[in-house]
Amino acid sequence: VLHGDEVPERLVDYATFQWQRASVQRFIALSAKQSG
């Protein structure tokens, strides 16, 4: 979805919102820290 796939606008909005959640951002930061 975030790479320009053709999906309904509501799905784009939902996916974008989910990636901005604090819990997701903490998980991404932790994963990046552990991998390198």
PDB file of N, CA and C in Angstrom:
ATOM      1  N   VAL A   1       0.826  -1.190   0.000  1.00  0.00           N
ATOM      2  CA  VAL A   1       0.000   0.000   0.000  1.00  0.00           C
ATOM      3  C   VAL A   1       0.869   1.252   0.000  1.00  0.00           C
ATOM      4  N   LEU A   2       1.910   1.258   0.819  1.00  0.00           N
ATOM      5  CA  LEU A   2       2.739   2.453   0.919  1.00  0.00           C
ATOM      6  C   LEU A   2       3.720   2.590  -0.243  1.00  0.00           C
ATOM      7  N   HIS A   3       3.749   1.601  -1.130  1.00  0.00           N
ATOM      8  CA  HIS A   3       4.645   1.651  -2.284  1.00  0.00           C
ATOM      9  C   HIS A   3       3.905   1.968  -3.570  1.00  0.00           C
ATOM     10  N   GLY A   4       2.718   2.495  -3.459  1.00  0.00           N
ATOM     11  CA  GLY A   4       1.973   2.919  -4.633  1.00  0.00           C
ATOM     12  C   GLY A   4       1.069   1.863  -5.242  1.00  0.00           C
ATOM     13  N   ASP A   5       0.808   0.779  -4.507  1.00  0.00           N
ATOM     14  CA  ASP A   5      -0.118  -0.229  -5.016  1.00  0.00           C
ATOM     15  C   ASP A   5      -1.505   0.384  -5.193  1.00  0.00           C
ATOM     16  N   GLU A   6      -2.229  -0.114  -6.184  1.00  0.00           N
ATOM     17  CA  GLU A   6      -3.578   0.385  -6.451  1.00  0.00           C
ATOM     18  C   GLU A   6      -4.568  -0.252  -5.479  1.00  0.00           C
ATOM     19  N   VAL A   7      -5.001   0.514  -4.504  1.00  0.00           N
ATOM     20  CA  VAL A   7      -5.987   0.058  -3.524  1.00  0.00           C
ATOM     21  C   VAL A   7      -6.939   1.220  -3.242  1.00  0.00           C
ATOM     22  N   PRO A   8      -8.095   0.931  -2.665  1.00  0.00           N
ATOM     23  CA  PRO A   8      -9.029   2.013  -2.328  1.00  0.00           C
ATOM     24  C   PRO A   8      -8.393   3.031  -1.370  1.00  0.00           C
ATOM     25  N   GLU A   9      -8.775   4.279  -1.524  1.00  0.00           N
ATOM     26  CA  GLU A   9      -8.211   5.367  -0.714  1.00  0.00           C
ATOM     27  C   GLU A   9      -8.389   5.121   0.783  1.00  0.00           C
ATOM     28  N   ARG A  10      -9.519   4.526   1.168  1.00  0.00           N
ATOM     29  CA  ARG A  10      -9.742   4.230   2.598  1.00  0.00           C
ATOM     30  C   ARG A  10      -8.669   3.289   3.137  1.00  0.00           C
ATOM     31  N   LEU A  11      -8.242   2.330   2.325  1.00  0.00           N
ATOM     32  CA  LEU A  11      -7.210   1.388   2.753  1.00  0.00           C
ATOM     33  C   LEU A  11      -5.857   2.085   2.872  1.00  0.00           C
ATOM     34  N   VAL A  12      -5.565   2.998   1.963  1.00  0.00           N
ATOM     35  CA  VAL A  12      -4.330   3.785   2.048  1.00  0.00           C
ATOM     36  C   VAL A  12      -4.319   4.583   3.346  1.00  0.00           C
ATOM     37  N   ASP A  13      -5.425   5.245   3.651  1.00  0.00           N
ATOM     38  CA  ASP A  13      -5.515   6.038   4.879  1.00  0.00           C
ATOM     39  C   ASP A  13      -5.330   5.161   6.115  1.00  0.00           C
ATOM     40  N   TYR A  14      -5.963   3.990   6.113  1.00  0.00           N
ATOM     41  CA  TYR A  14      -5.866   3.073   7.251  1.00  0.00           C
ATOM     42  C   TYR A  14      -4.424   2.597   7.442  1.00  0.00           C
ATOM     43  N   ALA A  15      -3.781   2.171   6.365  1.00  0.00           N
ATOM     44  CA  ALA A  15      -2.411   1.668   6.461  1.00  0.00           C
ATOM     45  C   ALA A  15      -1.458   2.766   6.923  1.00  0.00           C
ATOM     46  N   THR A  16      -1.613   3.956   6.392  1.00  0.00           N
ATOM     47  CA  THR A  16      -0.767   5.080   6.798  1.00  0.00           C
ATOM     48  C   THR A  16      -0.945   5.372   8.277  1.00  0.00           C
ATOM     49  N   PHE A  17      -2.184   5.378   8.738  1.00  0.00           N
ATOM     50  CA  PHE A  17      -2.467   5.620  10.151  1.00  0.00           C
ATOM     51  C   PHE A  17      -1.827   4.550  11.030  1.00  0.00           C
ATOM     52  N   GLN A  18      -1.935   3.290  10.632  1.00  0.00           N
ATOM     53  CA  GLN A  18      -1.383   2.200  11.440  1.00  0.00           C
ATOM     54  C   GLN A  18       0.133   2.314  11.572  1.00  0.00           C
ATOM     55  N   TRP A  19       0.823   2.693  10.509  1.00  0.00           N
ATOM     56  CA  TRP A  19       2.282   2.839  10.565  1.00  0.00           C
ATOM     57  C   TRP A  19       2.700   3.976  11.486  1.00  0.00           C
ATOM     58  N   GLN A  20       1.814   4.935  11.751  1.00  0.00           N
ATOM     59  CA  GLN A  20       2.135   6.070  12.611  1.00  0.00           C
ATOM     60  C   GLN A  20       1.851   5.792  14.080  1.00  0.00           C
ATOM     61  N   ARG A  21       1.251   4.651  14.397  1.00  0.00           N
ATOM     62  CA  ARG A  21       0.942   4.323  15.788  1.00  0.00           C
ATOM     63  C   ARG A  21       2.222   4.213  16.601  1.00  0.00           C
ATOM     64  N   ALA A  22       2.168   4.681  17.841  1.00  0.00           N
ATOM     65  CA  ALA A  22       3.341   4.670  18.715  1.00  0.00           C
ATOM     66  C   ALA A  22       3.872   3.258  18.923  1.00  0.00           C
ATOM     67  N   SER A  23       2.988   2.288  19.086  1.00  0.00           N
ATOM     68  CA  SER A  23       3.439   0.912  19.317  1.00  0.00           C
ATOM     69  C   SER A  23       4.181   0.358  18.104  1.00  0.00           C
ATOM     70  N   VAL A  24       3.734   0.693  16.912  1.00  0.00           N
ATOM     71  CA  VAL A  24       4.406   0.236  15.697  1.00  0.00           C
ATOM     72  C   VAL A  24       5.764   0.917  15.570  1.00  0.00           C
ATOM     73  N   GLN A  25       5.825   2.204  15.863  1.00  0.00           N
ATOM     74  CA  GLN A  25       7.093   2.925  15.786  1.00  0.00           C
ATOM     75  C   GLN A  25       8.107   2.370  16.783  1.00  0.00           C
ATOM     76  N   ARG A  26       7.657   2.010  17.989  1.00  0.00           N
ATOM     77  CA  ARG A  26       8.563   1.392  18.972  1.00  0.00           C
ATOM     78  C   ARG A  26       9.076   0.053  18.467  1.00  0.00           C
ATOM     79  N   PHE A  27       8.208  -0.742  17.859  1.00  0.00           N
ATOM     80  CA  PHE A  27       8.610  -2.039  17.322  1.00  0.00           C
ATOM     81  C   PHE A  27       9.644  -1.855  16.211  1.00  0.00           C
ATOM     82  N   ILE A  28       9.418  -0.902  15.319  1.00  0.00           N
ATOM     83  CA  ILE A  28      10.360  -0.640  14.228  1.00  0.00           C
ATOM     84  C   ILE A  28      11.710  -0.214  14.788  1.00  0.00           C
ATOM     85  N   ALA A  29      11.700   0.677  15.770  1.00  0.00           N
ATOM     86  CA  ALA A  29      12.946   1.147  16.379  1.00  0.00           C
ATOM     87  C   ALA A  29      13.680  -0.004  17.057  1.00  0.00           C
ATOM     88  N   LEU A  30      12.964  -0.851  17.762  1.00  0.00           N
ATOM     89  CA  LEU A  30      13.575  -1.993  18.437  1.00  0.00           C
ATOM     90  C   LEU A  30      14.157  -2.971  17.418  1.00  0.00           C
ATOM     91  N   SER A  31      13.424  -3.242  16.359  1.00  0.00           N
ATOM     92  CA  SER A  31      13.896  -4.158  15.323  1.00  0.00           C
ATOM     93  C   SER A  31      15.159  -3.622  14.656  1.00  0.00           C
ATOM     94  N   ALA A  32      15.187  -2.328  14.376  1.00  0.00           N
ATOM     95  CA  ALA A  32      16.355  -1.720  13.748  1.00  0.00           C
ATOM     96  C   ALA A  32      17.559  -1.775  14.682  1.00  0.00           C
ATOM     97  N   LYS A  33      17.317  -1.552  15.960  1.00  0.00           N
ATOM     98  CA  LYS A  33      18.393  -1.578  16.949  1.00  0.00           C
ATOM     99  C   LYS A  33      18.989  -2.982  17.064  1.00  0.00           C
ATOM    100  N   GLN A  34      18.142  -3.998  17.044  1.00  0.00           N
ATOM    101  CA  GLN A  34      18.595  -5.380  17.181  1.00  0.00           C
ATOM    102  C   GLN A  34      19.319  -5.873  15.936  1.00  0.00           C
ATOM    103  N   SER A  35      18.958  -5.364  14.775  1.00  0.00           N
ATOM    104  CA  SER A  35      19.558  -5.858  13.538  1.00  0.00           C
ATOM    105  C   SER A  35      20.821  -5.105  13.146  1.00  0.00           C
ATOM    106  N   GLY A  36      21.114  -4.041  13.838  1.00  0.00           N
ATOM    107  CA  GLY A  36      22.304  -3.408  13.370  1.00  0.00           C
ATOM    108  C   GLY A  36      22.826  -2.316  14.144  1.00  0.00           C
TER     109      GLY A  36
END
